[in-house]
């Protein structure tokens, strides 16, 4: 029997008012950041340490920043984080994975709310 286990978290980076996604599988922690600037803020480091501390050996945790599509808008990070979370459970995300945010947001605008339906 094969057991597939992956931990996926969407984290808020308060210093940057930004959302990122992390995934942990097979002792490998990956960071998916649509506005990555080459370093982690102290707040993000602290969150990651608290969440993944039980998986760490020798007080060392290596984080791989996955090269992903970078956002062009100032408020798209939440949509990117959700997309990264959904894809990280299904397939490998790499620099070839791209998202068309305008089609996502325009589709949302065309949906009609119904009393038993939540429109995202």
N, C-alpha and C. Protein backbone atom coordinates (compact mmCIF):
# COMPACT_ATOMS: atom_id res chain seq x y z
N UNK A 1 0.84 -1.17 0.00
CA UNK A 1 0.00 0.00 0.00
C UNK A 1 0.88 1.24 0.00
N UNK A 2 0.61 2.18 -0.88
CA UNK A 2 1.37 3.43 -0.95
C UNK A 2 0.55 4.52 -0.26
N UNK A 3 1.21 5.22 0.65
CA UNK A 3 0.56 6.33 1.33
C UNK A 3 1.15 7.63 0.80
N UNK A 4 0.29 8.46 0.28
CA UNK A 4 0.71 9.74 -0.27
C UNK A 4 0.31 10.83 0.72
N UNK A 5 1.28 11.55 1.23
CA UNK A 5 0.99 12.57 2.22
C UNK A 5 1.72 13.86 1.86
N UNK A 6 0.96 14.93 1.78
CA UNK A 6 1.56 16.23 1.50
C UNK A 6 0.86 17.25 2.39
N UNK A 7 1.64 18.11 3.00
CA UNK A 7 1.10 19.19 3.82
C UNK A 7 1.18 20.47 3.01
N UNK A 8 0.06 21.14 2.86
CA UNK A 8 0.01 22.38 2.08
C UNK A 8 -0.54 23.47 2.98
N UNK A 9 0.16 24.60 3.02
CA UNK A 9 -0.26 25.73 3.83
C UNK A 9 -0.25 27.00 2.98
N UNK A 10 -1.25 27.84 3.18
CA UNK A 10 -1.24 29.19 2.61
C UNK A 10 -0.97 30.12 3.78
N UNK A 11 0.10 30.89 3.68
CA UNK A 11 0.56 31.72 4.79
C UNK A 11 0.50 33.20 4.43
N UNK A 12 0.16 34.00 5.42
CA UNK A 12 0.14 35.44 5.24
C UNK A 12 1.47 36.01 5.72
N UNK A 13 2.06 36.88 4.91
CA UNK A 13 3.32 37.54 5.25
C UNK A 13 2.96 38.97 5.64
N UNK A 14 2.80 39.23 6.96
CA UNK A 14 2.30 40.55 7.37
C UNK A 14 3.21 41.72 7.00
N UNK A 15 4.50 41.49 6.98
CA UNK A 15 5.43 42.58 6.66
C UNK A 15 5.26 43.07 5.23
N UNK A 16 4.76 42.21 4.37
CA UNK A 16 4.60 42.57 2.95
C UNK A 16 3.13 42.60 2.51
N UNK A 17 2.20 42.35 3.44
CA UNK A 17 0.78 42.23 3.08
C UNK A 17 0.64 41.33 1.85
N UNK A 18 1.10 40.09 2.02
CA UNK A 18 1.27 39.18 0.90
C UNK A 18 0.93 37.76 1.33
N UNK A 19 0.47 36.95 0.40
CA UNK A 19 0.15 35.54 0.64
C UNK A 19 1.10 34.65 -0.15
N UNK A 20 1.57 33.56 0.48
CA UNK A 20 2.43 32.58 -0.17
C UNK A 20 1.92 31.18 0.16
N UNK A 21 2.40 30.19 -0.57
CA UNK A 21 2.03 28.80 -0.32
C UNK A 21 3.28 27.99 -0.03
N UNK A 22 3.16 27.07 0.92
CA UNK A 22 4.24 26.11 1.17
C UNK A 22 3.68 24.71 1.04
N UNK A 23 4.53 23.78 0.63
CA UNK A 23 4.15 22.37 0.62
C UNK A 23 5.30 21.57 1.19
N UNK A 24 4.94 20.53 1.92
CA UNK A 24 5.95 19.67 2.54
C UNK A 24 5.63 18.23 2.20
N UNK A 25 6.58 17.57 1.55
CA UNK A 25 6.41 16.17 1.18
C UNK A 25 7.77 15.51 1.11
N UNK A 26 7.86 14.31 1.65
CA UNK A 26 9.10 13.53 1.61
C UNK A 26 10.30 14.34 2.10
N UNK A 27 10.12 15.00 3.25
CA UNK A 27 11.19 15.79 3.90
C UNK A 27 11.68 16.95 3.03
N UNK A 28 10.84 17.43 2.12
CA UNK A 28 11.21 18.56 1.27
C UNK A 28 10.17 19.65 1.41
N UNK A 29 10.62 20.84 1.81
CA UNK A 29 9.74 21.99 1.97
C UNK A 29 9.92 22.92 0.78
N UNK A 30 8.80 23.23 0.11
CA UNK A 30 8.84 24.11 -1.06
C UNK A 30 8.03 25.36 -0.78
N UNK A 31 8.53 26.48 -1.28
CA UNK A 31 7.86 27.77 -1.16
C UNK A 31 7.44 28.22 -2.55
N UNK A 32 6.16 28.59 -2.69
CA UNK A 32 5.61 29.11 -3.94
C UNK A 32 5.21 30.55 -3.67
N UNK A 33 5.94 31.49 -4.26
CA UNK A 33 5.75 32.90 -3.97
C UNK A 33 5.65 33.68 -5.28
N UNK A 34 4.50 34.29 -5.50
CA UNK A 34 4.27 35.01 -6.77
C UNK A 34 4.93 36.38 -6.81
N UNK A 35 5.62 36.73 -5.73
CA UNK A 35 6.34 38.01 -5.70
C UNK A 35 7.65 37.81 -4.92
N UNK A 36 8.37 36.76 -5.26
CA UNK A 36 9.59 36.39 -4.52
C UNK A 36 10.70 37.38 -4.81
N UNK A 37 11.33 37.86 -3.74
CA UNK A 37 12.41 38.84 -3.89
C UNK A 37 13.78 38.28 -3.49
N UNK A 38 13.87 36.97 -3.32
CA UNK A 38 15.16 36.36 -3.01
C UNK A 38 15.40 36.07 -1.54
N UNK A 39 14.51 36.53 -0.66
CA UNK A 39 14.70 36.28 0.77
C UNK A 39 13.35 36.15 1.47
N UNK A 40 13.39 35.61 2.68
CA UNK A 40 12.18 35.46 3.49
C UNK A 40 12.16 36.53 4.57
N UNK A 41 10.98 37.01 4.89
CA UNK A 41 10.86 37.96 6.00
C UNK A 41 10.96 37.18 7.31
N UNK A 42 11.25 37.88 8.39
CA UNK A 42 11.36 37.21 9.69
C UNK A 42 10.02 36.62 10.11
N UNK A 43 8.90 37.30 9.76
CA UNK A 43 7.58 36.78 10.08
C UNK A 43 7.28 35.48 9.37
N UNK A 44 7.67 35.38 8.10
CA UNK A 44 7.45 34.15 7.35
C UNK A 44 8.34 33.04 7.88
N UNK A 45 9.59 33.36 8.18
CA UNK A 45 10.50 32.36 8.77
C UNK A 45 9.92 31.80 10.06
N UNK A 46 9.37 32.68 10.89
CA UNK A 46 8.80 32.26 12.16
C UNK A 46 7.60 31.34 11.96
N UNK A 47 6.71 31.70 11.03
CA UNK A 47 5.55 30.85 10.74
C UNK A 47 5.98 29.47 10.26
N UNK A 48 6.92 29.44 9.33
CA UNK A 48 7.39 28.16 8.79
C UNK A 48 8.02 27.32 9.90
N UNK A 49 8.81 27.95 10.76
CA UNK A 49 9.44 27.22 11.86
C UNK A 49 8.39 26.62 12.80
N UNK A 50 7.36 27.39 13.11
CA UNK A 50 6.30 26.90 14.01
C UNK A 50 5.52 25.75 13.38
N UNK A 51 5.21 25.86 12.11
CA UNK A 51 4.41 24.83 11.44
C UNK A 51 5.19 23.54 11.22
N UNK A 52 6.43 23.67 10.79
CA UNK A 52 7.18 22.50 10.37
C UNK A 52 8.25 22.05 11.37
N UNK A 53 8.29 22.62 12.58
CA UNK A 53 9.34 22.30 13.54
C UNK A 53 9.37 20.82 13.93
N UNK A 54 8.23 20.16 13.92
CA UNK A 54 8.22 18.75 14.31
C UNK A 54 8.83 17.84 13.25
N UNK A 55 9.02 18.35 12.05
CA UNK A 55 9.59 17.55 10.97
C UNK A 55 11.09 17.76 10.81
N UNK A 56 11.64 18.70 11.58
CA UNK A 56 13.04 19.11 11.41
C UNK A 56 13.98 18.20 12.20
N UNK A 57 15.06 17.83 11.55
CA UNK A 57 16.12 17.09 12.21
C UNK A 57 17.34 18.00 12.30
N UNK A 58 18.05 17.94 13.41
CA UNK A 58 19.26 18.72 13.62
C UNK A 58 19.01 20.23 13.54
N UNK A 59 17.82 20.68 13.91
CA UNK A 59 17.47 22.11 13.89
C UNK A 59 17.74 22.78 12.56
N UNK A 60 17.58 22.05 11.47
CA UNK A 60 17.85 22.62 10.15
C UNK A 60 16.73 22.26 9.20
N UNK A 61 16.21 23.26 8.51
CA UNK A 61 15.14 23.06 7.54
C UNK A 61 15.53 23.78 6.26
N UNK A 62 15.60 23.05 5.19
CA UNK A 62 15.95 23.64 3.90
C UNK A 62 14.66 23.95 3.15
N UNK A 63 14.57 25.17 2.66
CA UNK A 63 13.40 25.63 1.92
C UNK A 63 13.81 25.87 0.48
N UNK A 64 13.09 25.25 -0.44
CA UNK A 64 13.33 25.46 -1.86
C UNK A 64 12.29 26.42 -2.41
N UNK A 65 12.75 27.55 -2.91
CA UNK A 65 11.84 28.51 -3.54
C UNK A 65 11.64 28.06 -4.99
N UNK A 66 10.45 27.60 -5.29
CA UNK A 66 10.14 27.09 -6.62
C UNK A 66 9.97 28.28 -7.58
N UNK A 67 10.64 28.26 -8.73
CA UNK A 67 10.48 29.36 -9.69
C UNK A 67 9.10 29.28 -10.34
N UNK A 68 8.21 30.18 -9.93
CA UNK A 68 6.83 30.17 -10.42
C UNK A 68 6.50 31.50 -11.09
N UNK A 69 5.36 31.52 -11.76
CA UNK A 69 4.90 32.75 -12.41
C UNK A 69 4.82 33.86 -11.38
N UNK A 70 5.33 35.03 -11.74
CA UNK A 70 5.30 36.19 -10.85
C UNK A 70 4.11 37.07 -11.19
N UNK A 71 3.47 37.59 -10.18
CA UNK A 71 2.29 38.43 -10.39
C UNK A 71 2.68 39.79 -10.92
N UNK A 72 1.81 40.38 -11.72
CA UNK A 72 2.06 41.72 -12.22
C UNK A 72 1.20 42.74 -11.49
N UNK A 73 0.07 42.31 -10.95
CA UNK A 73 -0.80 43.21 -10.19
C UNK A 73 -0.39 43.23 -8.73
N UNK A 74 -0.86 44.23 -8.02
CA UNK A 74 -0.48 44.38 -6.62
C UNK A 74 -1.31 43.56 -5.66
N UNK A 75 -2.44 43.00 -6.10
CA UNK A 75 -3.33 42.30 -5.18
C UNK A 75 -3.67 40.88 -5.63
N UNK A 76 -2.89 40.32 -6.51
CA UNK A 76 -3.19 38.99 -7.06
C UNK A 76 -2.62 37.83 -6.26
N UNK A 77 -1.84 38.10 -5.22
CA UNK A 77 -1.12 37.05 -4.51
C UNK A 77 -2.05 35.99 -3.90
N UNK A 78 -3.24 36.39 -3.46
CA UNK A 78 -4.17 35.43 -2.90
C UNK A 78 -4.63 34.41 -3.92
N UNK A 79 -4.95 34.88 -5.14
CA UNK A 79 -5.34 33.96 -6.21
C UNK A 79 -4.19 33.03 -6.59
N UNK A 80 -3.00 33.58 -6.68
CA UNK A 80 -1.84 32.75 -6.99
C UNK A 80 -1.62 31.70 -5.91
N UNK A 81 -1.74 32.09 -4.64
CA UNK A 81 -1.51 31.14 -3.55
C UNK A 81 -2.50 29.99 -3.60
N UNK A 82 -3.76 30.30 -3.88
CA UNK A 82 -4.77 29.25 -3.99
C UNK A 82 -4.45 28.32 -5.17
N UNK A 83 -4.09 28.90 -6.31
CA UNK A 83 -3.75 28.08 -7.48
C UNK A 83 -2.53 27.21 -7.19
N UNK A 84 -1.51 27.76 -6.55
CA UNK A 84 -0.33 26.97 -6.21
C UNK A 84 -0.69 25.83 -5.27
N UNK A 85 -1.56 26.10 -4.30
CA UNK A 85 -1.97 25.07 -3.35
C UNK A 85 -2.72 23.94 -4.07
N UNK A 86 -3.62 24.30 -4.96
CA UNK A 86 -4.36 23.28 -5.70
C UNK A 86 -3.45 22.44 -6.58
N UNK A 87 -2.52 23.10 -7.27
CA UNK A 87 -1.63 22.36 -8.17
C UNK A 87 -0.56 21.56 -7.43
N UNK A 88 -0.11 22.04 -6.28
CA UNK A 88 0.97 21.33 -5.59
C UNK A 88 0.52 19.96 -5.10
N UNK A 89 -0.77 19.76 -4.93
CA UNK A 89 -1.28 18.45 -4.55
C UNK A 89 -1.48 17.52 -5.72
N UNK A 90 -1.43 18.04 -6.95
CA UNK A 90 -1.73 17.24 -8.14
C UNK A 90 -0.56 17.04 -9.08
N UNK A 91 0.28 18.03 -9.21
CA UNK A 91 1.32 17.97 -10.23
C UNK A 91 2.51 18.82 -9.81
N UNK A 92 3.54 18.74 -10.57
CA UNK A 92 4.71 19.56 -10.32
C UNK A 92 4.47 20.95 -10.86
N UNK A 93 4.71 21.94 -9.99
CA UNK A 93 4.60 23.33 -10.43
C UNK A 93 6.00 23.81 -10.77
N UNK A 94 6.16 24.37 -11.91
CA UNK A 94 7.47 24.92 -12.26
C UNK A 94 7.26 26.22 -13.01
N UNK A 95 8.33 26.72 -13.57
CA UNK A 95 8.24 28.00 -14.25
C UNK A 95 7.36 27.94 -15.50
N UNK A 96 6.97 26.74 -15.91
CA UNK A 96 6.10 26.61 -17.08
C UNK A 96 4.62 26.71 -16.71
N UNK A 97 4.30 26.60 -15.43
CA UNK A 97 2.91 26.72 -14.99
C UNK A 97 2.51 28.19 -15.00
N UNK A 98 1.51 28.53 -15.79
CA UNK A 98 1.06 29.92 -15.85
C UNK A 98 -0.45 29.97 -15.64
N UNK A 99 -0.91 31.09 -15.13
CA UNK A 99 -2.31 31.29 -14.84
C UNK A 99 -2.80 32.55 -15.53
N UNK A 100 -4.02 32.51 -16.04
CA UNK A 100 -4.64 33.68 -16.64
C UNK A 100 -5.63 34.24 -15.64
N UNK A 101 -5.18 35.19 -14.83
CA UNK A 101 -6.02 35.73 -13.78
C UNK A 101 -7.20 36.52 -14.31
N UNK A 102 -7.06 37.15 -15.47
CA UNK A 102 -8.18 37.93 -15.99
C UNK A 102 -9.35 37.01 -16.34
N UNK A 103 -9.07 35.80 -16.81
CA UNK A 103 -10.18 34.89 -17.12
C UNK A 103 -10.82 34.37 -15.84
N UNK A 104 -10.04 34.20 -14.78
CA UNK A 104 -10.60 33.75 -13.51
C UNK A 104 -11.52 34.82 -12.94
N UNK A 105 -11.05 36.06 -12.91
CA UNK A 105 -11.86 37.12 -12.31
C UNK A 105 -13.06 37.48 -13.18
N UNK A 106 -12.94 37.42 -14.51
CA UNK A 106 -14.09 37.74 -15.36
C UNK A 106 -15.14 36.64 -15.26
N UNK A 107 -14.73 35.40 -15.10
CA UNK A 107 -15.68 34.30 -14.94
C UNK A 107 -16.47 34.48 -13.65
N UNK A 108 -15.80 34.94 -12.60
CA UNK A 108 -16.46 35.19 -11.33
C UNK A 108 -17.55 36.25 -11.49
N UNK A 109 -17.26 37.29 -12.25
CA UNK A 109 -18.21 38.39 -12.43
C UNK A 109 -19.46 37.94 -13.18
N UNK A 110 -19.35 36.91 -14.02
CA UNK A 110 -20.48 36.46 -14.82
C UNK A 110 -21.36 35.44 -14.11
N UNK A 111 -20.91 34.91 -13.00
CA UNK A 111 -21.72 33.95 -12.26
C UNK A 111 -22.80 34.68 -11.48
N UNK A 112 -23.95 34.06 -11.36
CA UNK A 112 -25.04 34.65 -10.58
C UNK A 112 -25.14 33.92 -9.25
N UNK A 113 -25.26 34.69 -8.20
CA UNK A 113 -25.41 34.11 -6.86
C UNK A 113 -26.79 33.50 -6.72
N UNK A 114 -26.85 32.41 -6.03
CA UNK A 114 -28.10 31.74 -5.76
C UNK A 114 -28.13 31.50 -4.25
N UNK A 115 -29.31 31.35 -3.68
CA UNK A 115 -29.42 31.28 -2.22
C UNK A 115 -28.66 30.10 -1.62
N UNK A 116 -28.46 29.05 -2.36
CA UNK A 116 -27.77 27.86 -1.84
C UNK A 116 -26.36 27.72 -2.38
N UNK A 117 -25.83 28.76 -2.95
CA UNK A 117 -24.53 28.67 -3.60
C UNK A 117 -23.63 29.79 -3.12
N UNK A 118 -22.38 29.45 -2.86
CA UNK A 118 -21.38 30.45 -2.51
C UNK A 118 -20.59 30.74 -3.77
N UNK A 119 -20.51 31.98 -4.14
CA UNK A 119 -19.77 32.37 -5.34
C UNK A 119 -18.40 32.86 -4.92
N UNK A 120 -17.38 32.25 -5.44
CA UNK A 120 -16.01 32.65 -5.12
C UNK A 120 -15.43 33.47 -6.25
